[in-house]
Amino acid sequence: MHTRLAFVAAAVLAAALPAPSAAQEVLAPGIRIRVTVPDQKHPLVGAFVSRTADSLMLEIPARSWNGVGRRPVELASLSVPRIARLEVSRGKRSNPGRGAGIGALVGAAAGLALGLAASAEDSGWFEVGPGQVASATLVMGGIGAGVGVIVGGLSHSERWEVTTLPNLPPAPEVPTTAGTIPLVISRF
């Protein structure tokens, strides 16, 4: 009885406490981040280096690399007011469930299409009825789900969580000319 009461009290207390918010994120050097700047085609992904009131520094992979040795990095300095979105990596994970779902749908669609195509033929050798079409759909869906689990388990995607910059005084507005981004890149 006492353990049940303690469990209920702990659950009520946990629900009443404020959940950690993205605004409380602490960016430590080396944390993998993704920064979206409005005029950039793709977000910049790299390791957080430092932040001042008006700029954010991160290491990004160098654009040119001959493939030999360790990939060189560039230091990018972004103007804080220009940052539209900041995300923190929460690691990579495999996707077997998603792969199974996609594989099942593709397999079932293929099985249904093959079953319907076979039932439309009137060759006299083999007649396909509605039961066989349903069976083909289920069997192909199962095969697709199995293949999808394997493919999804072998593929990994990075999980990103949207966050805000740690509380620092707001940076003054940086005047820019239309179509340009205040971005400085240094090679190492």
C-alpha atoms as a PDB file:
ATOM      1  CA  MET A   1       0.000   0.000   0.000  1.00  0.00           C
ATOM      2  CA  HIS A   2       2.788   2.427   0.939  1.00  0.00           C
ATOM      3  CA  THR A   3       4.710   1.757  -2.275  1.00  0.00           C
ATOM      4  CA  ARG A   4       1.610   2.401  -4.363  1.00  0.00           C
ATOM      5  CA  LEU A   5       0.981   5.675  -2.505  1.00  0.00           C
ATOM      6  CA  ALA A   6       4.634   6.690  -2.945  1.00  0.00           C
ATOM      7  CA  PHE A   7       4.428   5.889  -6.664  1.00  0.00           C
ATOM      8  CA  VAL A   8       1.280   7.997  -7.107  1.00  0.00           C
ATOM      9  CA  ALA A   9       2.836  10.878  -5.155  1.00  0.00           C
ATOM     10  CA  ALA A  10       6.007  10.707  -7.279  1.00  0.00           C
ATOM     11  CA  ALA A  11       3.955  10.699 -10.492  1.00  0.00           C
ATOM     12  CA  VAL A  12       1.916  13.728  -9.369  1.00  0.00           C
ATOM     13  CA  LEU A  13       5.078  15.575  -8.312  1.00  0.00           C
ATOM     14  CA  ALA A  14       6.819  14.785 -11.626  1.00  0.00           C
ATOM     15  CA  ALA A  15       3.821  16.065 -13.570  1.00  0.00           C
ATOM     16  CA  ALA A  16       3.758  19.283 -11.536  1.00  0.00           C
ATOM     17  CA  LEU A  17       7.448  20.097 -12.040  1.00  0.00           C
ATOM     18  CA  PRO A  18       8.310  22.129 -15.124  1.00  0.00           C
ATOM     19  CA  ALA A  19       9.796  20.056 -17.895  1.00  0.00           C
ATOM     20  CA  PRO A  20      13.244  21.055 -19.097  1.00  0.00           C
ATOM     21  CA  SER A  21      12.807  23.376 -22.034  1.00  0.00           C
ATOM     22  CA  ALA A  22      14.902  23.897 -25.097  1.00  0.00           C
ATOM     23  CA  ALA A  23      15.718  27.394 -23.835  1.00  0.00           C
ATOM     24  CA  GLN A  24      17.708  25.854 -20.976  1.00  0.00           C
ATOM     25  CA  GLU A  25      20.128  24.091 -23.342  1.00  0.00           C
ATOM     26  CA  VAL A  26      23.787  24.452 -22.428  1.00  0.00           C
ATOM     27  CA  LEU A  27      26.032  24.500 -25.450  1.00  0.00           C
ATOM     28  CA  ALA A  28      29.426  23.077 -24.603  1.00  0.00           C
ATOM     29  CA  PRO A  29      32.329  23.122 -27.049  1.00  0.00           C
ATOM     30  CA  GLY A  30      32.287  20.059 -29.276  1.00  0.00           C
ATOM     31  CA  ILE A  31      28.507  19.511 -29.244  1.00  0.00           C
ATOM     32  CA  ARG A  32      27.204  18.782 -32.742  1.00  0.00           C
ATOM     33  CA  ILE A  33      24.772  21.472 -33.894  1.00  0.00           C
ATOM     34  CA  ARG A  34      22.836  22.361 -37.028  1.00  0.00           C
ATOM     35  CA  VAL A  35      22.308  26.060 -37.811  1.00  0.00           C
ATOM     36  CA  THR A  36      19.836  27.369 -40.375  1.00  0.00           C
ATOM     37  CA  VAL A  37      20.449  30.792 -41.871  1.00  0.00           C
ATOM     38  CA  PRO A  38      17.653  32.176 -44.112  1.00  0.00           C
ATOM     39  CA  ASP A  39      19.688  32.811 -47.258  1.00  0.00           C
ATOM     40  CA  GLN A  40      21.677  29.543 -47.131  1.00  0.00           C
ATOM     41  CA  LYS A  41      20.455  26.653 -49.282  1.00  0.00           C
ATOM     42  CA  HIS A  42      21.413  24.024 -46.676  1.00  0.00           C
ATOM     43  CA  PRO A  43      21.900  24.287 -42.903  1.00  0.00           C
ATOM     44  CA  LEU A  44      25.446  24.325 -41.541  1.00  0.00           C
ATOM     45  CA  VAL A  45      26.286  21.249 -39.470  1.00  0.00           C
ATOM     46  CA  GLY A  46      29.340  21.170 -37.260  1.00  0.00           C
ATOM     47  CA  ALA A  47      30.807  21.238 -33.777  1.00  0.00           C
ATOM     48  CA  PHE A  48      30.005  24.200 -31.519  1.00  0.00           C
ATOM     49  CA  VAL A  49      33.124  26.200 -30.617  1.00  0.00           C
ATOM     50  CA  SER A  50      32.007  29.366 -28.812  1.00  0.00           C
ATOM     51  CA  ARG A  51      29.497  32.174 -28.666  1.00  0.00           C
ATOM     52  CA  THR A  52      29.710  35.888 -28.010  1.00  0.00           C
ATOM     53  CA  ALA A  53      26.822  38.324 -27.721  1.00  0.00           C
ATOM     54  CA  ASP A  54      26.733  38.783 -31.494  1.00  0.00           C
ATOM     55  CA  SER A  55      28.317  35.696 -33.082  1.00  0.00           C
ATOM     56  CA  LEU A  56      28.326  31.916 -32.978  1.00  0.00           C
ATOM     57  CA  MET A  57      31.444  29.951 -33.948  1.00  0.00           C
ATOM     58  CA  LEU A  58      31.371  26.385 -35.194  1.00  0.00           C
ATOM     59  CA  GLU A  59      33.711  23.973 -36.937  1.00  0.00           C
ATOM     60  CA  ILE A  60      32.347  22.660 -40.212  1.00  0.00           C
ATOM     61  CA  PRO A  61      33.875  20.119 -42.607  1.00  0.00           C
ATOM     62  CA  ALA A  62      36.052  21.751 -45.247  1.00  0.00           C
ATOM     63  CA  ARG A  63      34.508  22.053 -48.697  1.00  0.00           C
ATOM     64  CA  SER A  64      37.596  20.729 -50.465  1.00  0.00           C
ATOM     65  CA  TRP A  65      39.285  17.506 -49.380  1.00  0.00           C
ATOM     66  CA  ASN A  66      41.448  15.093 -51.319  1.00  0.00           C
ATOM     67  CA  GLY A  67      40.148  12.071 -49.382  1.00  0.00           C
ATOM     68  CA  VAL A  68      43.506  11.313 -47.774  1.00  0.00           C
ATOM     69  CA  GLY A  69      43.943  11.569 -44.027  1.00  0.00           C
ATOM     70  CA  ARG A  70      41.616  13.304 -41.652  1.00  0.00           C
ATOM     71  CA  ARG A  71      39.103  15.692 -43.203  1.00  0.00           C
ATOM     72  CA  PRO A  72      40.139  19.322 -42.573  1.00  0.00           C
ATOM     73  CA  VAL A  73      37.713  21.683 -40.873  1.00  0.00           C
ATOM     74  CA  GLU A  74      36.824  25.330 -41.355  1.00  0.00           C
ATOM     75  CA  LEU A  75      35.820  27.726 -38.641  1.00  0.00           C
ATOM     76  CA  ALA A  76      32.525  29.473 -39.431  1.00  0.00           C
ATOM     77  CA  SER A  77      31.397  32.612 -37.626  1.00  0.00           C
ATOM     78  CA  LEU A  78      27.665  33.322 -37.860  1.00  0.00           C
ATOM     79  CA  SER A  79      25.944  36.530 -36.854  1.00  0.00           C
ATOM     80  CA  VAL A  80      23.464  35.628 -34.084  1.00  0.00           C
ATOM     81  CA  PRO A  81      20.615  37.822 -35.407  1.00  0.00           C
ATOM     82  CA  ARG A  82      20.804  35.974 -38.750  1.00  0.00           C
ATOM     83  CA  ILE A  83      20.257  32.529 -37.168  1.00  0.00           C
ATOM     84  CA  ALA A  84      16.753  31.334 -38.026  1.00  0.00           C
ATOM     85  CA  ARG A  85      16.970  27.921 -36.344  1.00  0.00           C
ATOM     86  CA  LEU A  86      19.399  26.150 -34.020  1.00  0.00           C
ATOM     87  CA  GLU A  87      19.280  22.401 -33.427  1.00  0.00           C
ATOM     88  CA  VAL A  88      21.324  20.113 -31.189  1.00  0.00           C
ATOM     89  CA  SER A  89      22.141  16.534 -32.190  1.00  0.00           C
ATOM     90  CA  ARG A  90      20.712  13.879 -29.895  1.00  0.00           C
ATOM     91  CA  GLY A  91      22.642  11.051 -31.516  1.00  0.00           C
ATOM     92  CA  LYS A  92      21.956   8.607 -34.293  1.00  0.00           C
ATOM     93  CA  ARG A  93      19.444   5.785 -34.283  1.00  0.00           C
ATOM     94  CA  SER A  94      18.407   3.005 -36.591  1.00  0.00           C
ATOM     95  CA  ASN A  95      14.948   2.884 -38.147  1.00  0.00           C
ATOM     96  CA  PRO A  96      13.706  -0.739 -38.222  1.00  0.00           C
ATOM     97  CA  GLY A  97      10.080   0.166 -37.394  1.00  0.00           C
ATOM     98  CA  ARG A  98       9.884   2.807 -40.089  1.00  0.00           C
ATOM     99  CA  GLY A  99      11.563   0.462 -42.553  1.00  0.00           C
ATOM    100  CA  ALA A 100       9.065  -2.283 -41.731  1.00  0.00           C
ATOM    101  CA  GLY A 101       6.132   0.057 -42.306  1.00  0.00           C
ATOM    102  CA  ILE A 102       7.434   1.328 -45.630  1.00  0.00           C
ATOM    103  CA  GLY A 103       8.410  -2.184 -46.736  1.00  0.00           C
ATOM    104  CA  ALA A 104       5.008  -3.592 -45.793  1.00  0.00           C
ATOM    105  CA  LEU A 105       3.206  -0.888 -47.781  1.00  0.00           C
ATOM    106  CA  VAL A 106       5.412  -1.318 -50.846  1.00  0.00           C
ATOM    107  CA  GLY A 107       5.236  -5.118 -50.654  1.00  0.00           C
ATOM    108  CA  ALA A 108       1.460  -5.146 -50.186  1.00  0.00           C
ATOM    109  CA  ALA A 109       0.996  -2.745 -53.109  1.00  0.00           C
ATOM    110  CA  ALA A 110       3.199  -4.948 -55.307  1.00  0.00           C
ATOM    111  CA  GLY A 111       1.341  -8.088 -54.200  1.00  0.00           C
ATOM    112  CA  LEU A 112      -2.028  -6.469 -54.891  1.00  0.00           C
ATOM    113  CA  ALA A 113      -0.893  -5.268 -58.318  1.00  0.00           C
ATOM    114  CA  LEU A 114       0.488  -8.702 -59.251  1.00  0.00           C
ATOM    115  CA  GLY A 115      -2.623 -10.450 -57.953  1.00  0.00           C
ATOM    116  CA  LEU A 116      -4.948  -8.151 -59.865  1.00  0.00           C
ATOM    117  CA  ALA A 117      -2.861  -8.485 -63.025  1.00  0.00           C
ATOM    118  CA  ALA A 118      -2.916 -12.295 -62.757  1.00  0.00           C
ATOM    119  CA  SER A 119      -6.682 -12.360 -62.108  1.00  0.00           C
ATOM    120  CA  ALA A 120      -7.330 -10.253 -65.213  1.00  0.00           C
ATOM    121  CA  GLU A 121      -5.616 -12.798 -67.495  1.00  0.00           C
ATOM    122  CA  ASP A 122      -7.787 -15.492 -68.970  1.00  0.00           C
ATOM    123  CA  SER A 123      -5.183 -17.922 -70.191  1.00  0.00           C
ATOM    124  CA  GLY A 124      -7.053 -21.055 -69.159  1.00  0.00           C
ATOM    125  CA  TRP A 125      -3.988 -22.438 -67.396  1.00  0.00           C
ATOM    126  CA  PHE A 126      -4.302 -20.754 -64.036  1.00  0.00           C
ATOM    127  CA  GLU A 127      -7.266 -18.956 -62.577  1.00  0.00           C
ATOM    128  CA  VAL A 128      -6.753 -16.430 -59.758  1.00  0.00           C
ATOM    129  CA  GLY A 129      -9.681 -15.557 -57.533  1.00  0.00           C
ATOM    130  CA  PRO A 130     -10.169 -12.887 -54.867  1.00  0.00           C
ATOM    131  CA  GLY A 131      -8.754 -15.186 -52.162  1.00  0.00           C
ATOM    132  CA  GLN A 132      -5.478 -15.615 -54.006  1.00  0.00           C
ATOM    133  CA  VAL A 133      -5.232 -11.853 -54.625  1.00  0.00           C
ATOM    134  CA  ALA A 134      -5.652 -11.229 -50.873  1.00  0.00           C
ATOM    135  CA  SER A 135      -3.089 -13.937 -50.078  1.00  0.00           C
ATOM    136  CA  ALA A 136      -0.580 -12.446 -52.528  1.00  0.00           C
ATOM    137  CA  THR A 137      -1.109  -9.024 -50.952  1.00  0.00           C
ATOM    138  CA  LEU A 138      -0.496 -10.363 -47.432  1.00  0.00           C
ATOM    139  CA  VAL A 139       2.504 -12.502 -48.378  1.00  0.00           C
ATOM    140  CA  MET A 140       4.195  -9.724 -50.339  1.00  0.00           C
ATOM    141  CA  GLY A 141       3.421  -7.252 -47.533  1.00  0.00           C
ATOM    142  CA  GLY A 142       5.098  -9.607 -45.037  1.00  0.00           C
ATOM    143  CA  ILE A 143       8.136 -10.035 -47.257  1.00  0.00           C
ATOM    144  CA  GLY A 144       8.341  -6.263 -47.718  1.00  0.00           C
ATOM    145  CA  ALA A 145       8.118  -5.722 -43.954  1.00  0.00           C
ATOM    146  CA  GLY A 146      10.961  -8.203 -43.382  1.00  0.00           C
ATOM    147  CA  VAL A 147      13.176  -6.524 -45.938  1.00  0.00           C
ATOM    148  CA  GLY A 148      12.217  -3.126 -44.497  1.00  0.00           C
ATOM    149  CA  VAL A 149      13.252  -4.176 -40.963  1.00  0.00           C
ATOM    150  CA  ILE A 150      16.677  -5.209 -42.255  1.00  0.00           C
ATOM    151  CA  VAL A 151      17.203  -2.079 -44.360  1.00  0.00           C
ATOM    152  CA  GLY A 152      15.852   0.209 -41.610  1.00  0.00           C
ATOM    153  CA  GLY A 153      18.020  -1.487 -38.996  1.00  0.00           C
ATOM    154  CA  LEU A 154      21.129  -0.953 -41.088  1.00  0.00           C
ATOM    155  CA  SER A 155      20.400   2.694 -41.914  1.00  0.00           C
ATOM    156  CA  HIS A 156      20.965   5.334 -39.271  1.00  0.00           C
ATOM    157  CA  SER A 157      19.633   8.873 -39.102  1.00  0.00           C
ATOM    158  CA  GLU A 158      20.571  11.696 -36.802  1.00  0.00           C
ATOM    159  CA  ARG A 159      17.986  12.967 -34.335  1.00  0.00           C
ATOM    160  CA  TRP A 160      17.839  16.766 -33.985  1.00  0.00           C
ATOM    161  CA  GLU A 161      16.194  18.820 -31.251  1.00  0.00           C
ATOM    162  CA  VAL A 162      15.331  22.479 -31.815  1.00  0.00           C
ATOM    163  CA  THR A 163      16.817  24.738 -29.157  1.00  0.00           C
ATOM    164  CA  THR A 164      17.585  28.375 -28.517  1.00  0.00           C
ATOM    165  CA  LEU A 165      20.878  30.027 -27.755  1.00  0.00           C
ATOM    166  CA  PRO A 166      21.783  30.288 -24.074  1.00  0.00           C
ATOM    167  CA  ASN A 167      20.679  33.516 -22.422  1.00  0.00           C
ATOM    168  CA  LEU A 168      23.102  36.264 -23.278  1.00  0.00           C
ATOM    169  CA  PRO A 169      22.304  39.908 -23.850  1.00  0.00           C
ATOM    170  CA  PRO A 170      20.691  40.315 -27.256  1.00  0.00           C
ATOM    171  CA  ALA A 171      23.133  41.290 -29.933  1.00  0.00           C
ATOM    172  CA  PRO A 172      22.612  44.576 -31.759  1.00  0.00           C
ATOM    173  CA  GLU A 173      21.010  44.333 -35.194  1.00  0.00           C
ATOM    174  CA  VAL A 174      23.643  43.762 -37.853  1.00  0.00           C
ATOM    175  CA  PRO A 175      23.007  45.759 -41.024  1.00  0.00           C
ATOM    176  CA  THR A 176      23.554  43.674 -44.160  1.00  0.00           C
ATOM    177  CA  THR A 177      23.035  44.295 -47.803  1.00  0.00           C
ATOM    178  CA  ALA A 178      20.239  42.380 -49.489  1.00  0.00           C
ATOM    179  CA  GLY A 179      21.209  38.826 -50.416  1.00  0.00           C
ATOM    180  CA  THR A 180      24.395  38.633 -48.357  1.00  0.00           C
ATOM    181  CA  ILE A 181      25.041  36.679 -45.191  1.00  0.00           C
ATOM    182  CA  PRO A 182      27.600  37.730 -42.618  1.00  0.00           C
ATOM    183  CA  LEU A 183      29.552  34.456 -42.658  1.00  0.00           C
ATOM    184  CA  VAL A 184      33.283  34.200 -42.123  1.00  0.00           C
ATOM    185  CA  ILE A 185      35.097  30.962 -42.858  1.00  0.00           C
ATOM    186  CA  SER A 186      38.698  30.252 -41.888  1.00  0.00           C
ATOM    187  CA  ARG A 187      40.622  27.161 -42.999  1.00  0.00           C
ATOM    188  CA  PHE A 188      42.708  25.069 -40.602  1.00  0.00           C
END
